[in-house]
Amino acid sequence: MKRTTLLHAELSGLVAGMGHGDLIVIGDAGLPVPPGVRCIDLALTRGVPGTMQVLDALLSELVVERSCIAEEASDQLVADFTGRQIGSVTRVPHDDFKRETASARAIIRSGECTPYANICLWAGVAF
């Protein structure tokens, strides 16, 4: 059994297979998943798991070079995101954010129901 924080086999495999510049998206319960993009659906009930819980678990194993969030996200949500190790943060209109998701290796659907609680994470390197 793994010793590290991230125990979910599919997420752990996704992180292990990431290369420099690959994109993972953590989405709220309502973020659409583009056709052909893998969806790892973790949503259990409204708010469970939350976006920040999923982000913290991923960050325990993923090196992030840069990230992107919607301009429409609340100031509190922005503060919650930027208080973590997510590299340089870009803010874009939500429609542009949704277009970015088409190139994701996967979208991880959380149970989050806070508007615009989505984040794009581009993998960095550990060396």
N, C-alpha and C. Protein backbone atom coordinates (compact mmCIF):
# COMPACT_ATOMS: atom_id res chain seq x y z
N MET A 1 0.84 -1.18 0.00
CA MET A 1 0.00 0.00 0.00
C MET A 1 0.88 1.24 0.00
N LYS A 2 0.42 2.28 -0.68
CA LYS A 2 1.18 3.53 -0.77
C LYS A 2 1.30 4.20 0.59
N ARG A 3 2.40 4.93 0.77
CA ARG A 3 2.62 5.70 2.00
C ARG A 3 2.23 7.16 1.83
N THR A 4 2.15 7.61 0.62
CA THR A 4 1.90 9.03 0.39
C THR A 4 0.42 9.36 0.53
N THR A 5 0.11 10.65 0.50
CA THR A 5 -1.24 11.16 0.73
C THR A 5 -2.25 10.65 -0.29
N LEU A 6 -1.89 10.68 -1.56
CA LEU A 6 -2.83 10.38 -2.63
C LEU A 6 -3.01 8.87 -2.77
N LEU A 7 -4.18 8.37 -2.34
CA LEU A 7 -4.44 6.93 -2.36
C LEU A 7 -5.30 6.50 -3.56
N HIS A 8 -6.02 7.42 -4.17
CA HIS A 8 -6.92 7.08 -5.28
C HIS A 8 -6.08 6.56 -6.45
N ALA A 9 -6.28 5.30 -6.81
CA ALA A 9 -5.42 4.65 -7.81
C ALA A 9 -5.44 5.35 -9.16
N GLU A 10 -6.60 5.78 -9.62
CA GLU A 10 -6.69 6.42 -10.92
C GLU A 10 -6.00 7.79 -10.92
N LEU A 11 -6.17 8.56 -9.85
CA LEU A 11 -5.50 9.85 -9.75
C LEU A 11 -3.99 9.69 -9.61
N SER A 12 -3.57 8.73 -8.82
CA SER A 12 -2.15 8.48 -8.64
C SER A 12 -1.50 8.09 -9.96
N GLY A 13 -2.17 7.25 -10.73
CA GLY A 13 -1.65 6.86 -12.04
C GLY A 13 -1.60 8.03 -13.01
N LEU A 14 -2.61 8.88 -12.95
CA LEU A 14 -2.64 10.07 -13.79
C LEU A 14 -1.44 10.96 -13.50
N VAL A 15 -1.19 11.24 -12.22
CA VAL A 15 -0.06 12.08 -11.83
C VAL A 15 1.25 11.43 -12.26
N ALA A 16 1.38 10.14 -12.05
CA ALA A 16 2.62 9.44 -12.41
C ALA A 16 2.89 9.50 -13.91
N GLY A 17 1.84 9.59 -14.71
CA GLY A 17 1.99 9.63 -16.16
C GLY A 17 2.13 11.02 -16.75
N MET A 18 2.07 12.04 -15.91
CA MET A 18 2.15 13.42 -16.40
C MET A 18 3.56 13.76 -16.88
N GLY A 19 3.62 14.53 -17.94
CA GLY A 19 4.88 15.08 -18.43
C GLY A 19 4.86 16.59 -18.28
N HIS A 20 6.02 17.19 -18.46
CA HIS A 20 6.15 18.64 -18.34
C HIS A 20 5.18 19.33 -19.30
N GLY A 21 4.35 20.21 -18.75
CA GLY A 21 3.40 20.96 -19.57
C GLY A 21 2.05 20.31 -19.76
N ASP A 22 1.88 19.06 -19.29
CA ASP A 22 0.57 18.42 -19.39
C ASP A 22 -0.42 19.11 -18.46
N LEU A 23 -1.69 19.09 -18.85
CA LEU A 23 -2.75 19.80 -18.13
C LEU A 23 -3.69 18.84 -17.43
N ILE A 24 -3.96 19.12 -16.16
CA ILE A 24 -5.02 18.47 -15.38
C ILE A 24 -5.97 19.58 -14.94
N VAL A 25 -7.26 19.31 -14.96
CA VAL A 25 -8.25 20.27 -14.50
C VAL A 25 -9.01 19.69 -13.32
N ILE A 26 -9.16 20.50 -12.28
CA ILE A 26 -10.06 20.16 -11.19
C ILE A 26 -11.30 20.99 -11.41
N GLY A 27 -12.43 20.34 -11.55
CA GLY A 27 -13.67 21.04 -11.83
C GLY A 27 -14.68 20.91 -10.72
N ASP A 28 -15.55 21.92 -10.65
CA ASP A 28 -16.66 21.82 -9.72
C ASP A 28 -17.69 20.85 -10.29
N ALA A 29 -18.77 20.62 -9.58
CA ALA A 29 -19.76 19.62 -9.99
C ALA A 29 -20.44 19.96 -11.31
N GLY A 30 -20.40 21.23 -11.72
CA GLY A 30 -21.10 21.63 -12.93
C GLY A 30 -20.23 21.88 -14.15
N LEU A 31 -18.91 21.78 -14.02
CA LEU A 31 -18.04 22.07 -15.16
C LEU A 31 -18.25 21.04 -16.26
N PRO A 32 -18.56 21.49 -17.49
CA PRO A 32 -18.74 20.53 -18.57
C PRO A 32 -17.41 19.86 -18.95
N VAL A 33 -17.49 18.60 -19.32
CA VAL A 33 -16.32 17.86 -19.75
C VAL A 33 -16.39 17.73 -21.27
N PRO A 34 -15.40 18.28 -21.99
CA PRO A 34 -15.43 18.21 -23.45
C PRO A 34 -15.39 16.76 -23.93
N PRO A 35 -16.00 16.49 -25.08
CA PRO A 35 -15.95 15.14 -25.65
C PRO A 35 -14.50 14.69 -25.83
N GLY A 36 -14.24 13.46 -25.45
CA GLY A 36 -12.91 12.89 -25.63
C GLY A 36 -11.95 13.14 -24.49
N VAL A 37 -12.31 14.00 -23.53
CA VAL A 37 -11.45 14.25 -22.38
C VAL A 37 -11.86 13.30 -21.26
N ARG A 38 -10.89 12.63 -20.70
CA ARG A 38 -11.12 11.70 -19.60
C ARG A 38 -11.70 12.44 -18.39
N CYS A 39 -12.71 11.86 -17.78
CA CYS A 39 -13.31 12.43 -16.57
C CYS A 39 -13.13 11.45 -15.42
N ILE A 40 -12.51 11.92 -14.37
CA ILE A 40 -12.40 11.14 -13.14
C ILE A 40 -13.39 11.77 -12.18
N ASP A 41 -14.51 11.13 -11.98
CA ASP A 41 -15.61 11.70 -11.22
C ASP A 41 -15.52 11.29 -9.76
N LEU A 42 -15.16 12.25 -8.91
CA LEU A 42 -15.05 12.00 -7.48
C LEU A 42 -16.27 12.50 -6.71
N ALA A 43 -17.20 13.19 -7.39
CA ALA A 43 -18.35 13.79 -6.72
C ALA A 43 -19.16 12.72 -6.00
N LEU A 44 -19.33 12.91 -4.71
CA LEU A 44 -20.08 11.97 -3.89
C LEU A 44 -21.42 12.58 -3.50
N THR A 45 -21.37 13.73 -2.89
CA THR A 45 -22.56 14.50 -2.54
C THR A 45 -22.22 15.97 -2.74
N ARG A 46 -23.21 16.83 -2.62
CA ARG A 46 -22.98 18.27 -2.77
C ARG A 46 -21.87 18.72 -1.82
N GLY A 47 -20.78 19.21 -2.39
CA GLY A 47 -19.66 19.71 -1.60
C GLY A 47 -18.62 18.67 -1.21
N VAL A 48 -18.85 17.42 -1.52
CA VAL A 48 -17.92 16.35 -1.11
C VAL A 48 -17.47 15.55 -2.33
N PRO A 49 -16.15 15.49 -2.58
CA PRO A 49 -15.12 16.28 -1.94
C PRO A 49 -15.11 17.70 -2.51
N GLY A 50 -14.58 18.62 -1.75
CA GLY A 50 -14.45 19.99 -2.20
C GLY A 50 -13.25 20.16 -3.12
N THR A 51 -13.27 21.22 -3.88
CA THR A 51 -12.16 21.49 -4.81
C THR A 51 -10.83 21.56 -4.07
N MET A 52 -10.79 22.23 -2.94
CA MET A 52 -9.52 22.39 -2.22
C MET A 52 -9.01 21.06 -1.67
N GLN A 53 -9.92 20.18 -1.27
CA GLN A 53 -9.49 18.85 -0.81
C GLN A 53 -8.83 18.08 -1.95
N VAL A 54 -9.43 18.15 -3.13
CA VAL A 54 -8.86 17.46 -4.30
C VAL A 54 -7.52 18.10 -4.66
N LEU A 55 -7.48 19.43 -4.66
CA LEU A 55 -6.23 20.14 -5.00
C LEU A 55 -5.12 19.77 -4.03
N ASP A 56 -5.41 19.78 -2.74
CA ASP A 56 -4.37 19.45 -1.76
C ASP A 56 -3.86 18.02 -1.93
N ALA A 57 -4.75 17.09 -2.22
CA ALA A 57 -4.31 15.71 -2.45
C ALA A 57 -3.41 15.62 -3.69
N LEU A 58 -3.79 16.31 -4.76
CA LEU A 58 -2.96 16.30 -5.97
C LEU A 58 -1.61 16.95 -5.73
N LEU A 59 -1.61 18.07 -5.02
CA LEU A 59 -0.36 18.78 -4.78
C LEU A 59 0.61 18.00 -3.90
N SER A 60 0.12 16.97 -3.22
CA SER A 60 1.03 16.13 -2.43
C SER A 60 1.96 15.33 -3.33
N GLU A 61 1.61 15.20 -4.61
CA GLU A 61 2.44 14.42 -5.53
C GLU A 61 2.75 15.11 -6.84
N LEU A 62 2.05 16.18 -7.18
CA LEU A 62 2.19 16.84 -8.48
C LEU A 62 2.97 18.14 -8.35
N VAL A 63 3.98 18.31 -9.21
CA VAL A 63 4.69 19.57 -9.32
C VAL A 63 3.93 20.43 -10.32
N VAL A 64 3.52 21.63 -9.91
CA VAL A 64 2.74 22.51 -10.77
C VAL A 64 3.60 23.70 -11.18
N GLU A 65 3.67 23.92 -12.48
CA GLU A 65 4.46 25.04 -13.01
C GLU A 65 3.62 26.32 -13.12
N ARG A 66 2.38 26.16 -13.55
CA ARG A 66 1.49 27.30 -13.69
C ARG A 66 0.05 26.83 -13.58
N SER A 67 -0.84 27.78 -13.37
CA SER A 67 -2.25 27.43 -13.21
C SER A 67 -3.11 28.54 -13.78
N CYS A 68 -4.39 28.25 -13.89
CA CYS A 68 -5.34 29.19 -14.47
C CYS A 68 -6.68 29.04 -13.76
N ILE A 69 -7.30 30.17 -13.44
CA ILE A 69 -8.62 30.19 -12.84
C ILE A 69 -9.47 31.23 -13.55
N ALA A 70 -10.76 31.16 -13.36
CA ALA A 70 -11.67 32.09 -14.03
C ALA A 70 -11.63 33.46 -13.38
N GLU A 71 -11.73 34.50 -14.20
CA GLU A 71 -11.82 35.88 -13.70
C GLU A 71 -13.03 36.05 -12.79
N GLU A 72 -14.07 35.28 -13.05
CA GLU A 72 -15.33 35.41 -12.30
C GLU A 72 -15.27 34.80 -10.91
N ALA A 73 -14.20 34.11 -10.57
CA ALA A 73 -14.07 33.48 -9.26
C ALA A 73 -14.07 34.55 -8.17
N SER A 74 -14.66 34.23 -7.03
CA SER A 74 -14.73 35.18 -5.91
C SER A 74 -13.34 35.46 -5.36
N ASP A 75 -13.20 36.58 -4.67
CA ASP A 75 -11.93 36.94 -4.05
C ASP A 75 -11.49 35.88 -3.05
N GLN A 76 -12.45 35.32 -2.30
CA GLN A 76 -12.11 34.28 -1.32
C GLN A 76 -11.58 33.03 -2.02
N LEU A 77 -12.21 32.65 -3.11
CA LEU A 77 -11.75 31.48 -3.86
C LEU A 77 -10.35 31.72 -4.42
N VAL A 78 -10.13 32.90 -4.96
CA VAL A 78 -8.80 33.25 -5.49
C VAL A 78 -7.76 33.17 -4.38
N ALA A 79 -8.08 33.68 -3.20
CA ALA A 79 -7.15 33.62 -2.07
C ALA A 79 -6.88 32.17 -1.67
N ASP A 80 -7.91 31.34 -1.66
CA ASP A 80 -7.73 29.92 -1.33
C ASP A 80 -6.81 29.23 -2.33
N PHE A 81 -7.00 29.51 -3.61
CA PHE A 81 -6.16 28.91 -4.64
C PHE A 81 -4.72 29.41 -4.53
N THR A 82 -4.54 30.72 -4.47
CA THR A 82 -3.19 31.28 -4.54
C THR A 82 -2.41 31.06 -3.25
N GLY A 83 -3.06 30.63 -2.20
CA GLY A 83 -2.35 30.29 -0.98
C GLY A 83 -1.70 28.91 -1.04
N ARG A 84 -1.77 28.28 -2.18
CA ARG A 84 -1.19 26.94 -2.36
C ARG A 84 -0.08 26.99 -3.42
N GLN A 85 0.68 25.92 -3.54
CA GLN A 85 1.80 25.87 -4.48
C GLN A 85 1.30 25.50 -5.88
N ILE A 86 0.77 26.51 -6.58
CA ILE A 86 0.20 26.26 -7.91
C ILE A 86 0.89 27.07 -8.99
N GLY A 87 2.14 27.44 -8.75
CA GLY A 87 2.92 28.17 -9.73
C GLY A 87 2.34 29.54 -10.03
N SER A 88 2.70 30.10 -11.17
CA SER A 88 2.15 31.39 -11.55
C SER A 88 0.69 31.21 -11.94
N VAL A 89 -0.16 32.13 -11.48
CA VAL A 89 -1.60 32.02 -11.67
C VAL A 89 -2.07 33.05 -12.69
N THR A 90 -2.80 32.57 -13.70
CA THR A 90 -3.41 33.43 -14.70
C THR A 90 -4.91 33.41 -14.47
N ARG A 91 -5.56 34.55 -14.68
CA ARG A 91 -7.02 34.62 -14.60
C ARG A 91 -7.55 34.94 -15.99
N VAL A 92 -8.51 34.15 -16.43
CA VAL A 92 -9.09 34.32 -17.76
C VAL A 92 -10.62 34.28 -17.65
N PRO A 93 -11.33 34.83 -18.65
CA PRO A 93 -12.79 34.69 -18.65
C PRO A 93 -13.18 33.21 -18.63
N HIS A 94 -14.31 32.92 -17.98
CA HIS A 94 -14.74 31.53 -17.82
C HIS A 94 -14.89 30.80 -19.15
N ASP A 95 -15.36 31.49 -20.18
CA ASP A 95 -15.48 30.83 -21.49
C ASP A 95 -14.12 30.42 -22.03
N ASP A 96 -13.10 31.24 -21.82
CA ASP A 96 -11.74 30.87 -22.23
C ASP A 96 -11.23 29.69 -21.39
N PHE A 97 -11.56 29.71 -20.10
CA PHE A 97 -11.18 28.61 -19.22
C PHE A 97 -11.75 27.30 -19.76
N LYS A 98 -13.03 27.31 -20.10
CA LYS A 98 -13.66 26.09 -20.60
C LYS A 98 -13.01 25.61 -21.90
N ARG A 99 -12.58 26.53 -22.74
CA ARG A 99 -11.88 26.13 -23.98
C ARG A 99 -10.56 25.44 -23.65
N GLU A 100 -9.86 25.92 -22.63
CA GLU A 100 -8.58 25.29 -22.22
C GLU A 100 -8.77 23.83 -21.83
N THR A 101 -9.92 23.51 -21.25
CA THR A 101 -10.13 22.15 -20.74
C THR A 101 -10.13 21.10 -21.84
N ALA A 102 -10.33 21.52 -23.08
CA ALA A 102 -10.35 20.56 -24.19
C ALA A 102 -9.01 19.87 -24.39
N SER A 103 -7.92 20.48 -23.91
CA SER A 103 -6.61 19.88 -24.09
C SER A 103 -6.11 19.17 -22.83
N ALA A 104 -6.98 18.98 -21.86
CA ALA A 104 -6.58 18.35 -20.60
C ALA A 104 -6.36 16.85 -20.75
N ARG A 105 -5.39 16.34 -20.01
CA ARG A 105 -5.21 14.88 -19.90
C ARG A 105 -6.40 14.28 -19.19
N ALA A 106 -6.98 15.05 -18.24
CA ALA A 106 -8.17 14.61 -17.52
C ALA A 106 -8.79 15.78 -16.78
N ILE A 107 -10.10 15.67 -16.57
CA ILE A 107 -10.82 16.59 -15.70
C ILE A 107 -11.26 15.77 -14.49
N ILE A 108 -10.92 16.28 -13.32
CA ILE A 108 -11.30 15.63 -12.08
C ILE A 108 -12.52 16.37 -11.56
N ARG A 109 -13.66 15.71 -11.55
CA ARG A 109 -14.90 16.34 -11.08
C ARG A 109 -15.03 16.18 -9.58
N SER A 110 -15.11 17.31 -8.88
CA SER A 110 -15.32 17.30 -7.44
C SER A 110 -16.81 17.44 -7.17
N GLY A 111 -17.17 17.44 -5.91
CA GLY A 111 -18.56 17.69 -5.53
C GLY A 111 -18.81 19.16 -5.21
N GLU A 112 -17.81 19.99 -5.49
CA GLU A 112 -17.88 21.42 -5.17
C GLU A 112 -19.04 22.09 -5.89
N CYS A 113 -19.77 22.93 -5.17
CA CYS A 113 -20.90 23.67 -5.75
C CYS A 113 -20.72 25.18 -5.65
N THR A 114 -19.52 25.63 -5.35
CA THR A 114 -19.20 27.06 -5.35
C THR A 114 -18.98 27.49 -6.80
N PRO A 115 -19.62 28.58 -7.24
CA PRO A 115 -19.44 29.01 -8.62
C PRO A 115 -17.96 29.27 -8.97
N TYR A 116 -17.56 28.78 -10.13
CA TYR A 116 -16.22 28.99 -10.70
C TYR A 116 -15.10 28.37 -9.87
N ALA A 117 -15.39 27.34 -9.10
CA ALA A 117 -14.37 26.67 -8.28
C ALA A 117 -13.66 25.62 -9.13
N ASN A 118 -13.01 26.10 -10.19
CA ASN A 118 -12.30 25.24 -11.14
C ASN A 118 -10.88 25.75 -11.27
N ILE A 119 -9.95 24.84 -11.56
CA ILE A 119 -8.56 25.26 -11.74
C ILE A 119 -7.87 24.36 -12.76
N CYS A 120 -7.13 24.98 -13.65
CA CYS A 120 -6.25 24.27 -14.59
C CYS A 120 -4.86 24.22 -13.97
N LEU A 121 -4.23 23.07 -14.01
CA LEU A 121 -2.89 22.89 -13.46
C LEU A 121 -1.99 22.30 -14.54
N TRP A 122 -0.91 23.00 -14.86
CA TRP A 122 0.05 22.50 -15.82
C TRP A 122 1.25 21.94 -15.05
N ALA A 123 1.63 20.72 -15.38
CA ALA A 123 2.70 20.03 -14.67
C ALA A 123 4.03 20.70 -14.93
N GLY A 124 4.80 20.76 -13.85
CA GLY A 124 6.18 21.23 -13.93
C GLY A 124 7.10 20.02 -13.83
N VAL A 125 8.34 20.28 -13.51
CA VAL A 125 9.31 19.19 -13.33
C VAL A 125 9.91 19.30 -11.94
N ALA A 126 10.33 18.16 -11.42
CA ALA A 126 10.86 18.11 -10.05
C ALA A 126 12.37 18.26 -10.02
N PHE A 127 12.96 18.62 -11.15
CA PHE A 127 14.44 18.80 -11.18
C PHE A 127 14.80 20.09 -11.84
